[in-house]
Amino acid sequence: MGHELTHAFDDQGREYDKDGNLRPWWQNSSVEAFRQRTECMVDQYNHYTVNGEPINGKQTLGENIADNGGLKAAYHAYRSWIQKHGEGKSLPAVNLTNDQLFFLGFAQ
């Protein structure tokens, strides 16, 4: 859910207004700041490969933003739950913290 909601703020979703109409509504300074801040993500994903083929970080930017935004939202929700209910038991015979298992689950 966090992934899909984050799409509203990615490189394409930001181009739609509150009514779903395609129209520029951000100030030019906001667009430029967005481009500058997402360049690190483009660079990061440019260094990844899938089956030996390089990823085009600019082409996958929207999905990368949504994946990272969704993960961040889910992790904040998880930590909020932990604060209210306490840390759960660890998995026996697995030498990982619950936080590590959270991120391992995401990676899977």
PDB file of N, CA and C in Angstrom:
ATOM      1  N   MET A   1       0.831  -1.182   0.000  1.00  0.00           N
ATOM      2  CA  MET A   1       0.000   0.000   0.000  1.00  0.00           C
ATOM      3  C   MET A   1       0.879   1.250   0.000  1.00  0.00           C
ATOM      4  N   GLY A   2       1.926   1.241   0.829  1.00  0.00           N
ATOM      5  CA  GLY A   2       2.828   2.381   0.879  1.00  0.00           C
ATOM      6  C   GLY A   2       3.490   2.628  -0.464  1.00  0.00           C
ATOM      7  N   HIS A   3       3.825   1.534  -1.155  1.00  0.00           N
ATOM      8  CA  HIS A   3       4.433   1.645  -2.489  1.00  0.00           C
ATOM      9  C   HIS A   3       3.495   2.400  -3.424  1.00  0.00           C
ATOM     10  N   GLU A   4       2.248   1.973  -3.477  1.00  0.00           N
ATOM     11  CA  GLU A   4       1.285   2.589  -4.405  1.00  0.00           C
ATOM     12  C   GLU A   4       0.981   4.032  -4.031  1.00  0.00           C
ATOM     13  N   LEU A   5       0.866   4.330  -2.754  1.00  0.00           N
ATOM     14  CA  LEU A   5       0.613   5.708  -2.332  1.00  0.00           C
ATOM     15  C   LEU A   5       1.795   6.613  -2.677  1.00  0.00           C
ATOM     16  N   THR A   6       3.000   6.085  -2.575  1.00  0.00           N
ATOM     17  CA  THR A   6       4.185   6.873  -2.875  1.00  0.00           C
ATOM     18  C   THR A   6       4.256   7.253  -4.351  1.00  0.00           C
ATOM     19  N   HIS A   7       3.626   6.463  -5.216  1.00  0.00           N
ATOM     20  CA  HIS A   7       3.617   6.800  -6.639  1.00  0.00           C
ATOM     21  C   HIS A   7       3.025   8.192  -6.900  1.00  0.00           C
ATOM     22  N   ALA A   8       2.180   8.665  -6.005  1.00  0.00           N
ATOM     23  CA  ALA A   8       1.603  10.003  -6.180  1.00  0.00           C
ATOM     24  C   ALA A   8       2.669  11.087  -6.107  1.00  0.00           C
ATOM     25  N   PHE A   9       3.833  10.739  -5.570  1.00  0.00           N
ATOM     26  CA  PHE A   9       4.894  11.728  -5.374  1.00  0.00           C
ATOM     27  C   PHE A   9       6.156  11.377  -6.145  1.00  0.00           C
ATOM     28  N   ASP A  10       6.059  10.436  -7.091  1.00  0.00           N
ATOM     29  CA  ASP A  10       7.253  10.061  -7.846  1.00  0.00           C
ATOM     30  C   ASP A  10       7.401  10.946  -9.077  1.00  0.00           C
ATOM     31  N   ASP A  11       8.302  10.574  -9.951  1.00  0.00           N
ATOM     32  CA  ASP A  11       8.629  11.420 -11.100  1.00  0.00           C
ATOM     33  C   ASP A  11       7.464  11.594 -12.072  1.00  0.00           C
ATOM     34  N   GLN A  12       6.511  10.672 -12.084  1.00  0.00           N
ATOM     35  CA  GLN A  12       5.350  10.817 -12.952  1.00  0.00           C
ATOM     36  C   GLN A  12       4.109  11.255 -12.175  1.00  0.00           C
ATOM     37  N   GLY A  13       3.901  10.673 -11.009  1.00  0.00           N
ATOM     38  CA  GLY A  13       2.723  10.993 -10.205  1.00  0.00           C
ATOM     39  C   GLY A  13       2.646  12.447  -9.794  1.00  0.00           C
ATOM     40  N   ARG A  14       3.799  13.080  -9.629  1.00  0.00           N
ATOM     41  CA  ARG A  14       3.820  14.489  -9.220  1.00  0.00           C
ATOM     42  C   ARG A  14       3.244  15.404 -10.293  1.00  0.00           C
ATOM     43  N   GLU A  15       3.105  14.884 -11.512  1.00  0.00           N
ATOM     44  CA  GLU A  15       2.604  15.705 -12.620  1.00  0.00           C
ATOM     45  C   GLU A  15       1.074  15.801 -12.648  1.00  0.00           C
ATOM     46  N   TYR A  16       0.398  15.058 -11.772  1.00  0.00           N
ATOM     47  CA  TYR A  16      -1.065  15.085 -11.724  1.00  0.00           C
ATOM     48  C   TYR A  16      -1.540  15.920 -10.546  1.00  0.00           C
ATOM     49  N   ASP A  17      -2.586  16.691 -10.779  1.00  0.00           N
ATOM     50  CA  ASP A  17      -3.100  17.531  -9.701  1.00  0.00           C
ATOM     51  C   ASP A  17      -4.021  16.719  -8.790  1.00  0.00           C
ATOM     52  N   LYS A  18      -4.629  17.390  -7.811  1.00  0.00           N
ATOM     53  CA  LYS A  18      -5.460  16.705  -6.818  1.00  0.00           C
ATOM     54  C   LYS A  18      -6.691  16.044  -7.419  1.00  0.00           C
ATOM     55  N   ASP A  19      -7.081  16.455  -8.614  1.00  0.00           N
ATOM     56  CA  ASP A  19      -8.242  15.870  -9.286  1.00  0.00           C
ATOM     57  C   ASP A  19      -7.844  14.812 -10.310  1.00  0.00           C
ATOM     58  N   GLY A  20      -6.555  14.508 -10.390  1.00  0.00           N
ATOM     59  CA  GLY A  20      -6.086  13.499 -11.329  1.00  0.00           C
ATOM     60  C   GLY A  20      -5.845  14.009 -12.732  1.00  0.00           C
ATOM     61  N   ASN A  21      -5.871  15.319 -12.893  1.00  0.00           N
ATOM     62  CA  ASN A  21      -5.619  15.911 -14.208  1.00  0.00           C
ATOM     63  C   ASN A  21      -4.117  16.110 -14.420  1.00  0.00           C
ATOM     64  N   LEU A  22      -3.671  15.770 -15.620  1.00  0.00           N
ATOM     65  CA  LEU A  22      -2.263  15.950 -15.963  1.00  0.00           C
ATOM     66  C   LEU A  22      -2.023  17.425 -16.246  1.00  0.00           C
ATOM     67  N   ARG A  23      -1.386  18.090 -15.305  1.00  0.00           N
ATOM     68  CA  ARG A  23      -1.064  19.501 -15.475  1.00  0.00           C
ATOM     69  C   ARG A  23       0.049  19.863 -14.510  1.00  0.00           C
ATOM     70  N   PRO A  24       0.954  20.706 -14.943  1.00  0.00           N
ATOM     71  CA  PRO A  24       2.038  21.114 -14.051  1.00  0.00           C
ATOM     72  C   PRO A  24       1.492  22.014 -12.941  1.00  0.00           C
ATOM     73  N   TRP A  25       1.670  21.610 -11.719  1.00  0.00           N
ATOM     74  CA  TRP A  25       1.183  22.416 -10.600  1.00  0.00           C
ATOM     75  C   TRP A  25       2.277  22.708  -9.587  1.00  0.00           C
ATOM     76  N   TRP A  26       3.446  22.108  -9.761  1.00  0.00           N
ATOM     77  CA  TRP A  26       4.575  22.411  -8.890  1.00  0.00           C
ATOM     78  C   TRP A  26       5.270  23.664  -9.388  1.00  0.00           C
ATOM     79  N   GLN A  27       5.842  24.424  -8.470  1.00  0.00           N
ATOM     80  CA  GLN A  27       6.668  25.564  -8.858  1.00  0.00           C
ATOM     81  C   GLN A  27       7.957  25.030  -9.490  1.00  0.00           C
ATOM     82  N   ASN A  28       8.516  25.820 -10.409  1.00  0.00           N
ATOM     83  CA  ASN A  28       9.763  25.402 -11.068  1.00  0.00           C
ATOM     84  C   ASN A  28      10.863  25.089 -10.063  1.00  0.00           C
ATOM     85  N   SER A  29      10.931  25.847  -8.988  1.00  0.00           N
ATOM     86  CA  SER A  29      11.957  25.598  -7.970  1.00  0.00           C
ATOM     87  C   SER A  29      11.746  24.242  -7.295  1.00  0.00           C
ATOM     88  N   SER A  30      10.493  23.836  -7.119  1.00  0.00           N
ATOM     89  CA  SER A  30      10.189  22.525  -6.526  1.00  0.00           C
ATOM     90  C   SER A  30      10.573  21.401  -7.478  1.00  0.00           C
ATOM     91  N   VAL A  31      10.291  21.584  -8.760  1.00  0.00           N
ATOM     92  CA  VAL A  31      10.658  20.579  -9.766  1.00  0.00           C
ATOM     93  C   VAL A  31      12.170  20.408  -9.796  1.00  0.00           C
ATOM     94  N   GLU A  32      12.901  21.506  -9.779  1.00  0.00           N
ATOM     95  CA  GLU A  32      14.368  21.432  -9.813  1.00  0.00           C
ATOM     96  C   GLU A  32      14.912  20.779  -8.546  1.00  0.00           C
ATOM     97  N   ALA A  33      14.359  21.117  -7.391  1.00  0.00           N
ATOM     98  CA  ALA A  33      14.800  20.500  -6.137  1.00  0.00           C
ATOM     99  C   ALA A  33      14.513  19.002  -6.150  1.00  0.00           C
ATOM    100  N   PHE A  34      13.359  18.619  -6.696  1.00  0.00           N
ATOM    101  CA  PHE A  34      13.010  17.191  -6.819  1.00  0.00           C
ATOM    102  C   PHE A  34      14.037  16.482  -7.688  1.00  0.00           C
ATOM    103  N   ARG A  35      14.356  17.052  -8.819  1.00  0.00           N
ATOM    104  CA  ARG A  35      15.337  16.433  -9.729  1.00  0.00           C
ATOM    105  C   ARG A  35      16.704  16.289  -9.058  1.00  0.00           C
ATOM    106  N   GLN A  36      17.110  17.308  -8.330  1.00  0.00           N
ATOM    107  CA  GLN A  36      18.402  17.244  -7.644  1.00  0.00           C
ATOM    108  C   GLN A  36      18.407  16.154  -6.572  1.00  0.00           C
ATOM    109  N   ARG A  37      17.305  16.049  -5.846  1.00  0.00           N
ATOM    110  CA  ARG A  37      17.236  15.082  -4.749  1.00  0.00           C
ATOM    111  C   ARG A  37      17.067  13.652  -5.244  1.00  0.00           C
ATOM    112  N   THR A  38      16.521  13.480  -6.424  1.00  0.00           N
ATOM    113  CA  THR A  38      16.356  12.115  -6.935  1.00  0.00           C
ATOM    114  C   THR A  38      17.558  11.642  -7.739  1.00  0.00           C
ATOM    115  N   GLU A  39      18.474  12.546  -8.039  1.00  0.00           N
ATOM    116  CA  GLU A  39      19.654  12.162  -8.821  1.00  0.00           C
ATOM    117  C   GLU A  39      20.481  11.092  -8.119  1.00  0.00           C
ATOM    118  N   CYS A  40      20.549  11.151  -6.792  1.00  0.00           N
ATOM    119  CA  CYS A  40      21.313  10.135  -6.061  1.00  0.00           C
ATOM    120  C   CYS A  40      20.678   8.759  -6.227  1.00  0.00           C
ATOM    121  N   MET A  41      19.358   8.716  -6.315  1.00  0.00           N
ATOM    122  CA  MET A  41      18.669   7.436  -6.515  1.00  0.00           C
ATOM    123  C   MET A  41      18.908   6.922  -7.934  1.00  0.00           C
ATOM    124  N   VAL A  42      18.897   7.823  -8.913  1.00  0.00           N
ATOM    125  CA  VAL A  42      19.212   7.434 -10.290  1.00  0.00           C
ATOM    126  C   VAL A  42      20.621   6.855 -10.334  1.00  0.00           C
ATOM    127  N   ASP A  43      21.567   7.538  -9.720  1.00  0.00           N
ATOM    128  CA  ASP A  43      22.952   7.075  -9.705  1.00  0.00           C
ATOM    129  C   ASP A  43      23.073   5.716  -9.004  1.00  0.00           C
ATOM    130  N   GLN A  44      22.389   5.563  -7.885  1.00  0.00           N
ATOM    131  CA  GLN A  44      22.447   4.303  -7.141  1.00  0.00           C
ATOM    132  C   GLN A  44      21.969   3.139  -8.008  1.00  0.00           C
ATOM    133  N   TYR A  45      20.828   3.298  -8.629  1.00  0.00           N
ATOM    134  CA  TYR A  45      20.252   2.200  -9.411  1.00  0.00           C
ATOM    135  C   TYR A  45      20.990   1.977 -10.731  1.00  0.00           C
ATOM    136  N   ASN A  46      21.672   2.989 -11.225  1.00  0.00           N
ATOM    137  CA  ASN A  46      22.510   2.812 -12.414  1.00  0.00           C
ATOM    138  C   ASN A  46      23.637   1.810 -12.174  1.00  0.00           C
ATOM    139  N   HIS A  47      23.996   1.593 -10.925  1.00  0.00           N
ATOM    140  CA  HIS A  47      25.081   0.666 -10.595  1.00  0.00           C
ATOM    141  C   HIS A  47      24.593  -0.769 -10.387  1.00  0.00           C
ATOM    142  N   TYR A  48      23.301  -1.009 -10.470  1.00  0.00           N
ATOM    143  CA  TYR A  48      22.758  -2.364 -10.289  1.00  0.00           C
ATOM    144  C   TYR A  48      22.602  -3.052 -11.636  1.00  0.00           C
ATOM    145  N   THR A  49      22.645  -4.376 -11.590  1.00  0.00           N
ATOM    146  CA  THR A  49      22.378  -5.180 -12.781  1.00  0.00           C
ATOM    147  C   THR A  49      21.366  -6.266 -12.436  1.00  0.00           C
ATOM    148  N   VAL A  50      20.637  -6.692 -13.434  1.00  0.00           N
ATOM    149  CA  VAL A  50      19.721  -7.823 -13.311  1.00  0.00           C
ATOM    150  C   VAL A  50      20.057  -8.772 -14.445  1.00  0.00           C
ATOM    151  N   ASN A  51      20.403  -9.999 -14.089  1.00  0.00           N
ATOM    152  CA  ASN A  51      20.817 -10.997 -15.076  1.00  0.00           C
ATOM    153  C   ASN A  51      21.932 -10.461 -15.978  1.00  0.00           C
ATOM    154  N   GLY A  52      22.851  -9.710 -15.378  1.00  0.00           N
ATOM    155  CA  GLY A  52      23.986  -9.183 -16.120  1.00  0.00           C
ATOM    156  C   GLY A  52      23.698  -7.935 -16.927  1.00  0.00           C
ATOM    157  N   GLU A  53      22.464  -7.495 -16.964  1.00  0.00           N
ATOM    158  CA  GLU A  53      22.085  -6.293 -17.720  1.00  0.00           C
ATOM    159  C   GLU A  53      21.997  -5.097 -16.770  1.00  0.00           C
ATOM    160  N   PRO A  54      22.583  -3.975 -17.145  1.00  0.00           N
ATOM    161  CA  PRO A  54      22.527  -2.801 -16.260  1.00  0.00           C
ATOM    162  C   PRO A  54      21.117  -2.223 -16.184  1.00  0.00           C
ATOM    163  N   ILE A  55      20.803  -1.692 -15.028  1.00  0.00           N
ATOM    164  CA  ILE A  55      19.517  -1.021 -14.821  1.00  0.00           C
ATOM    165  C   ILE A  55      19.674   0.441 -15.213  1.00  0.00           C
ATOM    166  N   ASN A  56      18.670   0.992 -15.852  1.00  0.00           N
ATOM    167  CA  ASN A  56      18.631   2.416 -16.184  1.00  0.00           C
ATOM    168  C   ASN A  56      17.893   3.109 -15.042  1.00  0.00           C
ATOM    169  N   GLY A  57      18.656   3.726 -14.131  1.00  0.00           N
ATOM    170  CA  GLY A  57      18.066   4.339 -12.951  1.00  0.00           C
ATOM    171  C   GLY A  57      17.061   5.434 -13.250  1.00  0.00           C
ATOM    172  N   LYS A  58      17.241   6.133 -14.335  1.00  0.00           N
ATOM    173  CA  LYS A  58      16.284   7.178 -14.715  1.00  0.00           C
ATOM    174  C   LYS A  58      14.971   6.548 -15.170  1.00  0.00           C
ATOM    175  N   GLN A  59      15.078   5.451 -15.911  1.00  0.00           N
ATOM    176  CA  GLN A  59      13.878   4.779 -16.429  1.00  0.00           C
ATOM    177  C   GLN A  59      13.080   4.117 -15.300  1.00  0.00           C
ATOM    178  N   THR A  60      13.764   3.633 -14.275  1.00  0.00           N
ATOM    179  CA  THR A  60      13.087   2.929 -13.183  1.00  0.00           C
ATOM    180  C   THR A  60      12.831   3.822 -11.974  1.00  0.00           C
ATOM    181  N   LEU A  61      13.065   5.117 -12.107  1.00  0.00           N
ATOM    182  CA  LEU A  61      12.998   6.031 -10.972  1.00  0.00           C
ATOM    183  C   LEU A  61      11.671   5.964 -10.226  1.00  0.00           C
ATOM    184  N   GLY A  62      10.556   5.971 -10.930  1.00  0.00           N
ATOM    185  CA  GLY A  62       9.251   5.943 -10.264  1.00  0.00           C
ATOM    186  C   GLY A  62       9.079   4.721  -9.387  1.00  0.00           C
ATOM    187  N   GLU A  63       9.465   3.554  -9.895  1.00  0.00           N
ATOM    188  CA  GLU A  63       9.362   2.326  -9.105  1.00  0.00           C
ATOM    189  C   GLU A  63      10.343   2.338  -7.938  1.00  0.00           C
ATOM    190  N   ASN A  64      11.517   2.885  -8.161  1.00  0.00           N
ATOM    191  CA  ASN A  64      12.521   2.937  -7.099  1.00  0.00           C
ATOM    192  C   ASN A  64      12.065   3.868  -5.972  1.00  0.00           C
ATOM    193  N   ILE A  65      11.495   4.999  -6.328  1.00  0.00           N
ATOM    194  CA  ILE A  65      10.953   5.923  -5.335  1.00  0.00           C
ATOM    195  C   ILE A  65       9.836   5.239  -4.557  1.00  0.00           C
ATOM    196  N   ALA A  66       8.932   4.576  -5.271  1.00  0.00           N
ATOM    197  CA  ALA A  66       7.801   3.909  -4.616  1.00  0.00           C
ATOM    198  C   ALA A  66       8.271   2.766  -3.721  1.00  0.00           C
ATOM    199  N   ASP A  67       9.238   1.982  -4.186  1.00  0.00           N
ATOM    200  CA  ASP A  67       9.766   0.892  -3.352  1.00  0.00           C
ATOM    201  C   ASP A  67      10.372   1.435  -2.068  1.00  0.00           C
ATOM    202  N   ASN A  68      11.203   2.461  -2.182  1.00  0.00           N
ATOM    203  CA  ASN A  68      11.855   3.023  -1.005  1.00  0.00           C
ATOM    204  C   ASN A  68      10.869   3.749  -0.095  1.00  0.00           C
ATOM    205  N   GLY A  69       9.936   4.489  -0.692  1.00  0.00           N
ATOM    206  CA  GLY A  69       8.918   5.178   0.106  1.00  0.00           C
ATOM    207  C   GLY A  69       7.999   4.208   0.816  1.00  0.00           C
ATOM    208  N   GLY A  70       7.611   3.147   0.125  1.00  0.00           N
ATOM    209  CA  GLY A  70       6.752   2.127   0.742  1.00  0.00           C
ATOM    210  C   GLY A  70       7.463   1.412   1.872  1.00  0.00           C
ATOM    211  N   LEU A  71       8.741   1.102   1.667  1.00  0.00           N
ATOM    212  CA  LEU A  71       9.527   0.453   2.710  1.00  0.00           C
ATOM    213  C   LEU A  71       9.639   1.363   3.932  1.00  0.00           C
ATOM    214  N   LYS A  72       9.903   2.626   3.699  1.00  0.00           N
ATOM    215  CA  LYS A  72      10.032   3.580   4.811  1.00  0.00           C
ATOM    216  C   LYS A  72       8.717   3.681   5.594  1.00  0.00           C
ATOM    217  N   ALA A  73       7.599   3.759   4.896  1.00  0.00           N
ATOM    218  CA  ALA A  73       6.293   3.834   5.566  1.00  0.00           C
ATOM    219  C   ALA A  73       6.014   2.559   6.363  1.00  0.00           C
ATOM    220  N   ALA A  74       6.314   1.406   5.771  1.00  0.00           N
ATOM    221  CA  ALA A  74       6.085   0.135   6.455  1.00  0.00           C
ATOM    222  C   ALA A  74       6.974   0.015   7.692  1.00  0.00           C
ATOM    223  N   TYR A  75       8.221   0.433   7.577  1.00  0.00           N
ATOM    224  CA  TYR A  75       9.131   0.341   8.717  1.00  0.00           C
ATOM    225  C   TYR A  75       8.686   1.267   9.845  1.00  0.00           C
ATOM    226  N   HIS A  76       8.244   2.471   9.499  1.00  0.00           N
ATOM    227  CA  HIS A  76       7.739   3.385  10.537  1.00  0.00           C
ATOM    228  C   HIS A  76       6.501   2.796  11.212  1.00  0.00           C
ATOM    229  N   ALA A  77       5.621   2.168  10.446  1.00  0.00           N
ATOM    230  CA  ALA A  77       4.439   1.525  11.028  1.00  0.00           C
ATOM    231  C   ALA A  77       4.855   0.371  11.939  1.00  0.00           C
ATOM    232  N   TYR A  78       5.817  -0.417  11.513  1.00  0.00           N
ATOM    233  CA  TYR A  78       6.327  -1.528  12.325  1.00  0.00           C
ATOM    234  C   TYR A  78       6.911  -1.011  13.636  1.00  0.00           C
ATOM    235  N   ARG A  79       7.744   0.024  13.564  1.00  0.00           N
ATOM    236  CA  ARG A  79       8.353   0.565  14.778  1.00  0.00           C
ATOM    237  C   ARG A  79       7.296   1.174  15.709  1.00  0.00           C
ATOM    238  N   SER A  80       6.260   1.776  15.125  1.00  0.00           N
ATOM    239  CA  SER A  80       5.159   2.316  15.928  1.00  0.00           C
ATOM    240  C   SER A  80       4.441   1.176  16.658  1.00  0.00           C
ATOM    241  N   TRP A  81       4.226   0.069  15.970  1.00  0.00           N
ATOM    242  CA  TRP A  81       3.572  -1.095  16.577  1.00  0.00           C
ATOM    243  C   TRP A  81       4.431  -1.631  17.723  1.00  0.00           C
ATOM    244  N   ILE A  82       5.735  -1.693  17.513  1.00  0.00           N
ATOM    245  CA  ILE A  82       6.664  -2.181  18.543  1.00  0.00           C
ATOM    246  C   ILE A  82       6.589  -1.284  19.781  1.00  0.00           C
ATOM    247  N   GLN A  83       6.510   0.029  19.575  1.00  0.00           N
ATOM    248  CA  GLN A  83       6.434   0.950  20.717  1.00  0.00           C
ATOM    249  C   GLN A  83       5.179   0.712  21.544  1.00  0.00           C
ATOM    250  N   LYS A  84       4.084   0.358  20.878  1.00  0.00           N
ATOM    251  CA  LYS A  84       2.817   0.133  21.584  1.00  0.00           C
ATOM    252  C   LYS A  84       2.730  -1.253  22.211  1.00  0.00           C
ATOM    253  N   HIS A  85       3.290  -2.255  21.536  1.00  0.00           N
ATOM    254  CA  HIS A  85       3.077  -3.644  21.954  1.00  0.00           C
ATOM    255  C   HIS A  85       4.337  -4.346  22.456  1.00  0.00           C
ATOM    256  N   GLY A  86       5.473  -3.724  22.303  1.00  0.00           N
ATOM    257  CA  GLY A  86       6.729  -4.331  22.740  1.00  0.00           C
ATOM    258  C   GLY A  86       7.345  -5.205  21.654  1.00  0.00           C
ATOM    259  N   GLU A  87       8.619  -5.465  21.843  1.00  0.00           N
ATOM    260  CA  GLU A  87       9.378  -6.288  20.898  1.00  0.00           C
ATOM    261  C   GLU A  87       8.885  -7.731  20.962  1.00  0.00           C
ATOM    262  N   GLY A  88       8.695  -8.332  19.806  1.00  0.00           N
ATOM    263  CA  GLY A  88       8.280  -9.733  19.760  1.00  0.00           C
ATOM    264  C   GLY A  88       9.448 -10.658  20.021  1.00  0.00           C
ATOM    265  N   LYS A  89       9.141 -11.929  20.171  1.00  0.00           N
ATOM    266  CA  LYS A  89      10.194 -12.919  20.372  1.00  0.00           C
ATOM    267  C   LYS A  89      11.023 -13.063  19.102  1.00  0.00           C
ATOM    268  N   SER A  90      12.273 -13.425  19.287  1.00  0.00           N
ATOM    269  CA  SER A  90      13.150 -13.683  18.150  1.00  0.00           C
ATOM    270  C   SER A  90      12.887 -15.090  17.617  1.00  0.00           C
ATOM    271  N   LEU A  91      13.231 -15.300  16.357  1.00  0.00           N
ATOM    272  CA  LEU A  91      13.137 -16.645  15.803  1.00  0.00           C
ATOM    273  C   LEU A  91      14.251 -17.504  16.382  1.00  0.00           C
ATOM    274  N   PRO A  92      13.913 -18.688  16.853  1.00  0.00           N
ATOM    275  CA  PRO A  92      14.972 -19.546  17.394  1.00  0.00           C
ATOM    276  C   PRO A  92      15.930 -19.995  16.290  1.00  0.00           C
ATOM    277  N   ALA A  93      17.176 -20.108  16.644  1.00  0.00           N
ATOM    278  CA  ALA A  93      18.234 -20.606  15.749  1.00  0.00           C
ATOM    279  C   ALA A  93      18.509 -19.679  14.571  1.00  0.00           C
ATOM    280  N   VAL A  94      17.953 -18.477  14.588  1.00  0.00           N
ATOM    281  CA  VAL A  94      18.244 -17.493  13.545  1.00  0.00           C
ATOM    282  C   VAL A  94      18.943 -16.332  14.241  1.00  0.00           C
ATOM    283  N   ASN A  95      20.141 -16.090  13.873  1.00  0.00           N
ATOM    284  CA  ASN A  95      20.940 -15.075  14.537  1.00  0.00           C
ATOM    285  C   ASN A  95      20.720 -13.697  13.899  1.00  0.00           C
ATOM    286  N   LEU A  96      19.437 -13.273  13.854  1.00  0.00           N
ATOM    287  CA  LEU A  96      19.082 -11.967  13.302  1.00  0.00           C
ATOM    288  C   LEU A  96      18.120 -11.273  14.251  1.00  0.00           C
ATOM    289  N   THR A  97      18.227  -9.941  14.315  1.00  0.00           N
ATOM    290  CA  THR A  97      17.275  -9.173  15.112  1.00  0.00           C
ATOM    291  C   THR A  97      15.949  -9.087  14.356  1.00  0.00           C
ATOM    292  N   ASN A  98      14.910  -8.688  15.061  1.00  0.00           N
ATOM    293  CA  ASN A  98      13.621  -8.523  14.400  1.00  0.00           C
ATOM    294  C   ASN A  98      13.675  -7.420  13.337  1.00  0.00           C
ATOM    295  N   ASP A  99      14.446  -6.372  13.597  1.00  0.00           N
ATOM    296  CA  ASP A  99      14.616  -5.333  12.574  1.00  0.00           C
ATOM    297  C   ASP A  99      15.293  -5.916  11.336  1.00  0.00           C
ATOM    298  N   GLN A 100      16.321  -6.730  11.544  1.00  0.00           N
ATOM    299  CA  GLN A 100      16.991  -7.358  10.408  1.00  0.00           C
ATOM    300  C   GLN A 100      16.036  -8.265   9.639  1.00  0.00           C
ATOM    301  N   LEU A 101      15.189  -8.991  10.360  1.00  0.00           N
ATOM    302  CA  LEU A 101      14.214  -9.863   9.708  1.00  0.00           C
ATOM    303  C   LEU A 101      13.189  -9.058   8.906  1.00  0.00           C
ATOM    304  N   PHE A 102      12.835  -7.872   9.411  1.00  0.00           N
ATOM    305  CA  PHE A 102      11.927  -6.997   8.663  1.00  0.00           C
ATOM    306  C   PHE A 102      12.509  -6.691   7.284  1.00  0.00           C
ATOM    307  N   PHE A 103      13.765  -6.264   7.256  1.00  0.00           N
ATOM    308  CA  PHE A 103      14.394  -5.899   5.994  1.00  0.00           C
ATOM    309  C   PHE A 103      14.689  -7.116   5.127  1.00  0.00           C
ATOM    310  N   LEU A 104      14.962  -8.242   5.734  1.00  0.00           N
ATOM    311  CA  LEU A 104      15.135  -9.478   4.986  1.00  0.00           C
ATOM    312  C   LEU A 104      13.826  -9.866   4.300  1.00  0.00           C
ATOM    313  N   GLY A 105      12.730  -9.697   5.014  1.00  0.00           N
ATOM    314  CA  GLY A 105      11.407  -9.952   4.417  1.00  0.00           C
ATOM    315  C   GLY A 105      11.143  -9.043   3.231  1.00  0.00           C
ATOM    316  N   PHE A 106      11.523  -7.789   3.338  1.00  0.00           N
ATOM    317  CA  PHE A 106      11.367  -6.871   2.211  1.00  0.00           C
ATOM    318  C   PHE A 106      12.220  -7.321   1.031  1.00  0.00           C
ATOM    319  N   ALA A 107      13.444  -7.721   1.310  1.00  0.00           N
ATOM    320  CA  ALA A 107      14.350  -8.142   0.239  1.00  0.00           C
ATOM    321  C   ALA A 107      13.810  -9.373  -0.483  1.00  0.00           C
ATOM    322  N   GLN A 108      13.138 -10.241   0.239  1.00  0.00           N
ATOM    323  CA  GLN A 108      12.578 -11.437  -0.388  1.00  0.00           C
ATOM    324  C   GLN A 108      11.476 -11.066  -1.347  1.00  0.00           C
TER     325      GLN A 108
END
